Protein backbone atom coordinates (compact mmCIF):
# COMPACT_ATOMS: atom_id res chain seq x y z
CA UNK A 1 5.64 -79.57 -5.05
CA UNK A 2 4.44 -83.05 -4.08
CA UNK A 3 1.78 -81.68 -1.69
CA UNK A 4 0.25 -79.38 -4.36
CA UNK A 5 0.22 -82.16 -6.98
CA UNK A 6 -2.01 -84.35 -4.39
CA UNK A 7 -4.39 -81.47 -3.99
CA UNK A 8 -4.85 -81.07 -7.82
CA UNK A 9 -5.39 -84.78 -8.40
CA UNK A 10 -8.08 -84.91 -5.50
CA UNK A 11 -9.89 -81.95 -7.06
CA UNK A 12 -9.82 -83.77 -10.42
CA UNK A 13 -11.27 -86.88 -8.83
CA UNK A 14 -13.95 -84.95 -7.10
CA UNK A 15 -14.91 -83.42 -10.77
CA UNK A 16 -14.98 -86.99 -12.35
CA UNK A 17 -17.24 -88.00 -9.47
CA UNK A 18 -19.84 -85.01 -10.08
CA UNK A 19 -19.70 -85.90 -13.83
CA UNK A 20 -20.72 -89.40 -12.96
CA UNK A 21 -23.55 -88.09 -10.76
CA UNK A 22 -24.85 -85.60 -13.09
CA UNK A 23 -25.15 -88.36 -15.66
CA UNK A 24 -26.97 -90.45 -13.43
CA UNK A 25 -29.30 -87.69 -12.42
CA UNK A 26 -29.98 -86.81 -16.02
CA UNK A 27 -30.89 -90.35 -16.77
CA UNK A 28 -33.12 -90.67 -13.96
CA UNK A 29 -34.84 -87.63 -14.71
CA UNK A 30 -35.53 -88.43 -18.29
CA UNK A 31 -36.79 -91.58 -17.04
CA UNK A 32 -39.31 -89.64 -14.84
CA UNK A 33 -37.85 -89.68 -11.36
CA UNK A 34 -39.39 -86.58 -9.54
CA UNK A 35 -36.54 -86.18 -7.26
CA UNK A 36 -33.99 -86.33 -10.04
CA UNK A 37 -36.10 -83.90 -12.12
CA UNK A 38 -36.14 -81.51 -9.01
CA UNK A 39 -32.32 -81.99 -8.62
CA UNK A 40 -31.66 -81.35 -12.35
CA UNK A 41 -33.85 -78.09 -12.15
CA UNK A 42 -32.02 -76.92 -9.14
CA UNK A 43 -28.47 -77.47 -10.85
CA UNK A 44 -29.72 -75.38 -13.79
CA UNK A 45 -30.98 -72.68 -11.58
CA UNK A 46 -27.88 -72.19 -9.66
CA UNK A 47 -25.38 -73.15 -12.29
CA UNK A 48 -24.10 -76.11 -10.36
CA UNK A 49 -22.20 -78.47 -12.78
CA UNK A 50 -24.14 -77.09 -15.87
CA UNK A 51 -24.62 -73.71 -17.55
CA UNK A 52 -26.98 -71.64 -15.52
CA UNK A 53 -30.22 -71.79 -17.48
CA UNK A 54 -33.55 -70.48 -15.77
CA UNK A 55 -35.83 -71.84 -18.70
CA UNK A 56 -34.25 -75.17 -18.34
CA UNK A 57 -34.62 -75.06 -14.63
CA UNK A 58 -38.25 -74.16 -14.81
CA UNK A 59 -38.87 -76.90 -17.35
CA UNK A 60 -37.59 -79.59 -14.97
CA UNK A 61 -39.23 -78.14 -11.82
CA UNK A 62 -42.49 -78.31 -13.54
CA UNK A 63 -42.09 -81.96 -14.51
CA UNK A 64 -41.24 -82.69 -10.99
CA UNK A 65 -44.05 -80.30 -9.62
CA UNK A 66 -46.60 -82.33 -11.77
CA UNK A 67 -45.68 -85.42 -9.88
CA UNK A 68 -46.45 -83.77 -6.62
CA UNK A 69 -43.02 -83.09 -5.22
CA UNK A 70 -43.47 -79.94 -2.98
CA UNK A 71 -40.13 -78.50 -3.12
CA UNK A 72 -40.42 -78.43 -7.05
CA UNK A 73 -43.92 -76.73 -6.65
CA UNK A 74 -42.46 -74.26 -4.36
CA UNK A 75 -39.59 -73.30 -6.68
CA UNK A 76 -41.60 -73.23 -9.58
CA UNK A 77 -43.86 -70.81 -7.65
CA UNK A 78 -40.91 -68.62 -7.06
CA UNK A 79 -39.92 -68.66 -10.75
CA UNK A 80 -43.34 -67.40 -11.83
CA UNK A 81 -43.45 -65.03 -9.07
CA UNK A 82 -40.01 -63.39 -10.24
CA UNK A 83 -40.48 -64.16 -13.99
CA UNK A 84 -37.20 -66.47 -14.02
CA UNK A 85 -37.32 -68.76 -17.01
CA UNK A 86 -41.16 -68.29 -17.34
CA UNK A 87 -43.46 -65.30 -18.07
CA UNK A 88 -43.98 -63.62 -14.71
CA UNK A 89 -47.41 -64.58 -13.32
CA UNK A 90 -48.48 -64.06 -9.70
CA UNK A 91 -51.43 -66.21 -10.54
CA UNK A 92 -49.28 -69.38 -11.54
CA UNK A 93 -47.09 -68.68 -8.30
CA UNK A 94 -50.11 -68.84 -6.40
CA UNK A 95 -51.04 -72.20 -7.91
CA UNK A 96 -47.91 -73.76 -7.07
CA UNK A 97 -47.35 -72.27 -3.69
CA UNK A 98 -50.89 -73.59 -2.66
CA UNK A 99 -49.91 -77.02 -3.88
CA UNK A 100 -46.75 -77.07 -1.88
CA UNK A 101 -48.27 -75.28 1.06
CA UNK A 102 -51.16 -78.10 1.17
CA UNK A 103 -48.49 -80.68 1.65
CA UNK A 104 -47.19 -78.58 4.59
CA UNK A 105 -44.24 -76.93 3.16
CA UNK A 106 -43.78 -73.87 5.59
CA UNK A 107 -41.80 -71.76 2.91
CA UNK A 108 -44.75 -72.03 0.48
CA UNK A 109 -47.17 -71.40 3.37
CA UNK A 110 -45.24 -68.12 4.34
CA UNK A 111 -45.24 -66.92 0.74
CA UNK A 112 -49.01 -67.50 0.44
CA UNK A 113 -49.41 -65.35 3.66
CA UNK A 114 -47.30 -62.71 1.85
CA UNK A 115 -49.46 -62.67 -1.39
CA UNK A 116 -52.75 -62.52 0.70
CA UNK A 117 -51.15 -59.85 2.76
CA UNK A 118 -50.22 -57.67 -0.30
CA UNK A 119 -52.96 -58.68 -2.66
CA UNK A 120 -50.80 -60.22 -5.31
CA UNK A 121 -53.03 -61.91 -7.77
CA UNK A 122 -55.73 -62.20 -5.06
CA UNK A 123 -58.10 -60.02 -3.28
CA UNK A 124 -56.09 -58.76 -0.13
CA UNK A 125 -57.16 -60.67 2.87
CA UNK A 126 -55.51 -60.25 6.18
CA UNK A 127 -57.58 -63.12 7.65
CA UNK A 128 -56.18 -65.54 4.90
CA UNK A 129 -52.62 -64.15 5.34
CA UNK A 130 -52.76 -64.76 9.06
CA UNK A 131 -54.03 -68.18 8.61
CA UNK A 132 -51.15 -69.21 6.26
CA UNK A 133 -48.55 -67.46 8.42
CA UNK A 134 -49.85 -69.38 11.40
CA UNK A 135 -49.29 -72.73 9.47
CA UNK A 136 -45.78 -71.79 8.81
CA UNK A 137 -45.19 -70.08 12.28
CA UNK A 138 -46.11 -73.29 13.91
CA UNK A 139 -43.57 -75.24 12.08
CA UNK A 140 -40.89 -72.90 13.26
CA UNK A 141 -40.59 -70.41 10.18
CA UNK A 142 -39.05 -67.33 11.66
CA UNK A 143 -40.50 -64.66 9.24
CA UNK A 144 -43.92 -66.26 9.60
CA UNK A 145 -43.72 -66.01 13.21
CA UNK A 146 -42.61 -62.32 13.03
CA UNK A 147 -45.30 -61.56 10.62
CA UNK A 148 -47.86 -63.16 12.88
CA UNK A 149 -46.63 -61.26 15.84
CA UNK A 150 -47.34 -57.99 13.84
CA UNK A 151 -50.93 -59.27 12.94
CA UNK A 152 -51.57 -60.00 16.83
CA UNK A 153 -50.17 -56.51 17.81
CA UNK A 154 -52.16 -54.56 15.21
CA UNK A 155 -55.45 -56.77 15.38
CA UNK A 156 -55.25 -57.12 11.50
CA UNK A 157 -56.86 -60.26 10.37
CA UNK A 158 -56.98 -61.65 14.04
CA UNK A 159 -58.18 -60.50 17.39
CA UNK A 160 -55.80 -58.11 18.69
CA UNK A 161 -53.69 -59.74 21.36
CA UNK A 162 -50.46 -58.05 22.54
CA UNK A 163 -49.43 -61.02 24.84
CA UNK A 164 -49.94 -63.42 21.72
CA UNK A 165 -47.83 -61.01 19.56
CA UNK A 166 -45.07 -61.02 22.11
CA UNK A 167 -44.91 -64.82 22.07
CA UNK A 168 -44.49 -64.93 18.35
CA UNK A 169 -41.93 -62.18 18.27
CA UNK A 170 -39.93 -63.91 20.82
CA UNK A 171 -39.86 -67.20 18.93
CA UNK A 172 -38.74 -65.38 15.84
CA UNK A 173 -36.37 -63.16 17.85
CA UNK A 174 -34.78 -66.36 19.16
CA UNK A 175 -34.00 -67.48 15.57
CA UNK A 176 -32.25 -64.03 15.12
CA UNK A 177 -35.08 -62.49 12.94
CA UNK A 178 -33.98 -58.94 12.98
CA UNK A 179 -37.40 -57.35 12.59
CA UNK A 180 -38.92 -59.58 15.47
CA UNK A 181 -35.95 -58.42 17.76
CA UNK A 182 -36.66 -54.77 17.09
CA UNK A 183 -40.49 -55.23 17.54
CA UNK A 184 -39.87 -57.12 20.80
CA UNK A 185 -37.77 -54.30 21.96
CA UNK A 186 -40.58 -51.81 21.21
CA UNK A 187 -42.92 -54.13 23.30
CA UNK A 188 -40.52 -54.08 26.34
CA UNK A 189 -39.96 -50.25 25.98
CA UNK A 190 -43.71 -49.56 25.82
CA UNK A 191 -44.98 -52.14 28.26
CA UNK A 192 -47.20 -53.90 25.58
CA UNK A 193 -48.06 -57.32 26.06
CA UNK A 194 -45.30 -57.64 28.82
CA UNK A 195 -44.34 -55.72 31.91
CA UNK A 196 -42.33 -52.51 30.77
CA UNK A 197 -38.61 -53.34 31.12
CA UNK A 198 -36.05 -50.95 29.55
CA UNK A 199 -33.21 -53.35 30.04
CA UNK A 200 -34.97 -56.13 28.12
CA UNK A 201 -35.91 -53.47 25.38
CA UNK A 202 -32.14 -52.52 25.32
CA UNK A 203 -31.10 -56.07 24.89
CA UNK A 204 -33.46 -56.76 21.89
CA UNK A 205 -32.77 -53.35 20.12
CA UNK A 206 -29.08 -54.08 20.40
CA UNK A 207 -29.36 -57.58 18.93
CA UNK A 208 -31.32 -55.96 16.02
CA UNK A 209 -29.12 -52.87 15.89
CA UNK A 210 -25.96 -55.23 15.26
CA UNK A 211 -27.92 -56.86 12.45
CA UNK A 212 -28.24 -53.70 10.87
CA UNK A 213 -31.90 -52.56 11.80
CA UNK A 214 -31.84 -48.78 11.43
CA UNK A 215 -35.02 -48.38 13.45
CA UNK A 216 -33.28 -50.24 16.30
CA UNK A 217 -30.01 -48.40 15.93
CA UNK A 218 -31.93 -45.05 16.33
CA UNK A 219 -33.85 -46.33 19.38
CA UNK A 220 -30.59 -47.51 20.83
CA UNK A 221 -29.30 -44.08 20.53
CA UNK A 222 -32.25 -42.70 22.28
CA UNK A 223 -31.98 -45.19 25.10
CA UNK A 224 -28.22 -44.28 25.78
CA UNK A 225 -29.04 -40.51 25.55
CA UNK A 226 -31.88 -40.56 28.02
CA UNK A 227 -30.36 -43.24 30.16
CA UNK A 228 -33.30 -45.81 29.79
CA UNK A 229 -32.21 -49.33 30.63
CA UNK A 230 -28.54 -48.40 30.84
CA UNK A 231 -26.43 -45.79 32.47
CA UNK A 232 -26.59 -42.38 30.37
CA UNK A 233 -23.80 -42.47 27.57
CA UNK A 234 -23.92 -39.67 25.33
CA UNK A 235 -20.83 -40.98 23.37
CA UNK A 236 -22.70 -44.45 22.76
CA UNK A 237 -25.82 -42.52 21.72
CA UNK A 238 -23.89 -40.52 19.00
CA UNK A 239 -22.26 -43.73 17.81
CA UNK A 240 -25.71 -45.23 17.11
CA UNK A 241 -27.24 -41.94 15.92
CA UNK A 242 -24.34 -41.56 13.44
CA UNK A 243 -24.90 -45.03 11.92
CA UNK A 244 -28.40 -44.15 10.99
CA UNK A 245 -27.72 -40.38 10.25
CA UNK A 246 -25.04 -41.56 7.55
CA UNK A 247 -27.86 -43.29 5.91
CA UNK A 248 -30.13 -40.30 5.67
CA UNK A 249 -32.20 -40.56 8.66
CA UNK A 250 -33.62 -37.25 9.63
CA UNK A 251 -34.29 -37.65 13.25
CA UNK A 252 -30.88 -39.03 13.94
CA UNK A 253 -29.19 -36.20 11.96
CA UNK A 254 -31.35 -33.71 14.16
CA UNK A 255 -30.32 -35.37 17.34
CA UNK A 256 -26.61 -35.08 16.31
CA UNK A 257 -27.20 -31.39 15.69
CA UNK A 258 -28.60 -31.16 19.24
CA UNK A 259 -25.66 -32.96 20.78
CA UNK A 260 -23.09 -30.97 18.78
CA UNK A 261 -24.77 -27.67 19.79
CA UNK A 262 -24.95 -28.67 23.55
CA UNK A 263 -21.60 -30.49 23.63
CA UNK A 264 -23.22 -33.78 24.81
CA UNK A 265 -20.62 -36.64 24.33
CA UNK A 266 -18.52 -34.45 22.05
CA UNK A 267 -16.79 -31.07 22.17
CA UNK A 268 -19.43 -28.29 21.34
CA UNK A 269 -19.16 -27.52 17.62
CA UNK A 270 -21.92 -25.12 16.19
CA UNK A 271 -20.38 -25.61 12.77
CA UNK A 272 -21.03 -29.45 13.09
CA UNK A 273 -24.46 -28.78 14.64
CA UNK A 274 -25.35 -26.68 11.55
CA UNK A 275 -24.13 -29.36 9.23
CA UNK A 276 -26.57 -32.00 10.84
CA UNK A 277 -29.48 -29.62 11.28
CA UNK A 278 -29.23 -28.62 7.54
CA UNK A 279 -29.46 -32.49 6.52
CA UNK A 280 -32.42 -32.97 8.77
CA UNK A 281 -33.96 -29.64 7.60
CA UNK A 282 -33.46 -30.62 4.01
CA UNK A 283 -35.79 -33.50 4.65
CA UNK A 284 -38.44 -31.25 6.22
CA UNK A 285 -37.61 -31.91 9.82
CA UNK A 286 -39.38 -28.90 11.24
CA UNK A 287 -37.30 -28.54 14.51
CA UNK A 288 -34.13 -28.80 12.61
CA UNK A 289 -35.48 -26.03 10.41
CA UNK A 290 -36.27 -23.93 13.43
CA UNK A 291 -32.79 -24.63 14.98
CA UNK A 292 -30.85 -23.86 11.65
CA UNK A 293 -32.89 -20.73 11.30
CA UNK A 294 -31.71 -19.74 14.93
CA UNK A 295 -28.14 -20.52 13.97
CA UNK A 296 -28.37 -18.25 10.93
CA UNK A 297 -29.98 -15.63 13.08
CA UNK A 298 -27.32 -15.54 15.76
CA UNK A 299 -24.54 -16.36 13.38
CA UNK A 300 -23.34 -19.60 15.19
CA UNK A 301 -21.62 -22.13 13.15
CA UNK A 302 -22.59 -20.37 10.07
CA UNK A 303 -22.27 -16.95 8.45
CA UNK A 304 -24.90 -14.72 9.87
CA UNK A 305 -27.68 -14.30 7.46
CA UNK A 306 -31.20 -12.70 8.06
CA UNK A 307 -32.35 -13.99 4.59
CA UNK A 308 -31.53 -17.52 5.77
CA UNK A 309 -33.01 -17.19 9.17
CA UNK A 310 -36.12 -15.90 7.65
CA UNK A 311 -36.28 -18.77 5.03
CA UNK A 312 -35.79 -21.63 7.70
CA UNK A 313 -38.04 -20.07 10.16
CA UNK A 314 -40.81 -19.79 7.61
CA UNK A 315 -40.35 -23.32 6.58
CA UNK A 316 -40.33 -24.44 10.26
CA UNK A 317 -43.70 -22.69 10.64
CA UNK A 318 -45.08 -24.56 7.52
CA UNK A 319 -43.85 -28.06 8.70
CA UNK A 320 -44.08 -27.87 12.43
CA UNK A 321 -46.99 -28.16 14.94
CA UNK A 322 -48.84 -25.01 16.00
CA UNK A 323 -46.31 -24.41 19.05
CA UNK A 324 -43.27 -24.49 16.92
CA UNK A 325 -45.07 -22.46 14.20
CA UNK A 326 -45.69 -19.64 16.85
CA UNK A 327 -42.20 -19.66 17.93
CA UNK A 328 -40.76 -19.58 14.41
CA UNK A 329 -43.35 -16.70 13.50
CA UNK A 330 -42.19 -14.71 16.47
CA UNK A 331 -38.39 -14.96 15.52
CA UNK A 332 -39.20 -14.44 11.79
CA UNK A 333 -41.07 -11.10 12.77
CA UNK A 334 -37.93 -9.90 14.40
CA UNK A 335 -35.64 -10.99 11.53
CA UNK A 336 -37.90 -9.29 9.04
CA UNK A 337 -37.53 -5.87 10.61
CA UNK A 338 -33.91 -6.02 9.41
CA UNK A 339 -34.82 -7.02 5.83
CA UNK A 340 -36.01 -4.93 3.08
CA UNK A 341 -39.15 -5.71 1.08
CA UNK A 342 -37.08 -6.68 -1.91
CA UNK A 343 -35.23 -9.29 0.35
CA UNK A 344 -38.42 -10.60 1.88
CA UNK A 345 -39.99 -11.03 -1.64
CA UNK A 346 -36.87 -12.72 -2.80
CA UNK A 347 -36.90 -15.26 0.14
CA UNK A 348 -40.56 -15.86 -0.36
CA UNK A 349 -39.95 -16.95 -3.82
CA UNK A 350 -37.46 -19.42 -2.67
CA UNK A 351 -39.78 -20.68 -0.02
CA UNK A 352 -42.43 -21.33 -2.60
CA UNK A 353 -39.94 -23.28 -4.80
CA UNK A 354 -38.43 -25.19 -1.94
CA UNK A 355 -39.25 -28.90 -1.89
CA UNK A 356 -37.87 -31.42 0.65
CA UNK A 357 -35.44 -34.07 -0.24
CA UNK A 358 -36.65 -37.67 -0.38
């Protein structure tokens, strides 16, 4: 009991200390101290020691910002951009971001880059976006470094330079920026800006995948399935595909269907293959539509149905390339011989009404 009492007394003492500090901050803020005004704004913004109040936070940030404090100018910009405590205004956000950015505040420079990139309250300008990203990136801002890498890779707003893109991706990736890690994996996989190296591609994909990058998870599945940069491992491929497939990625769903149909990394299971093909087919994946049509055609994993086979072959032709369409058309021709004119008319109506899932 004594040990618990000491803890309670300690907490009470801390509470009294904060109350004294708050009183000092309030007094200094009212007296016009810019740092105290900023701190008070921060407290109201976060509900730290006071009731959370965005309008009150904006009021104190504005007082501090008018005295030139960069942090306050940036935070006021954020509040205008999001409409917290003030009427939403990208124009006002831009104004305060620029004040902070001109003082060298990297987060404000990055946000300015984003505004020029997206044309929020300004004429869209890749060149201006790149300029502000560069200023922030040179101070070590990871997201700015990643975005600058994208600019150099695409040649948007800067002269295309894949070596320079890799440089900025690497700096951001070393700070655990998920997108930079994924993009660096792409560069190593394709040999853009660096010598092609599947092992290094695997390394960066895995780091991004472990942070939740769905694109990296899918690419990691492809690398394991094909034995690129690592020993071929269908079980590992399935693991990564399933992570993304469960979130609705049609390519991963299709690949899982193929693996179940072929018994790669798992016991052959046409019913499970049909399940994954169907999920991808519903999103207009043409190859999945063809394969699902074939399963209905042959009755593997599903109840045999010439109508369903005709349906999916038709959609595969509509959404696929010329080669796939030719194969689907040939199979549909054979299926159509087993259907009546009424059945074909019925299925065609279903095809016309069909819409892919988003």
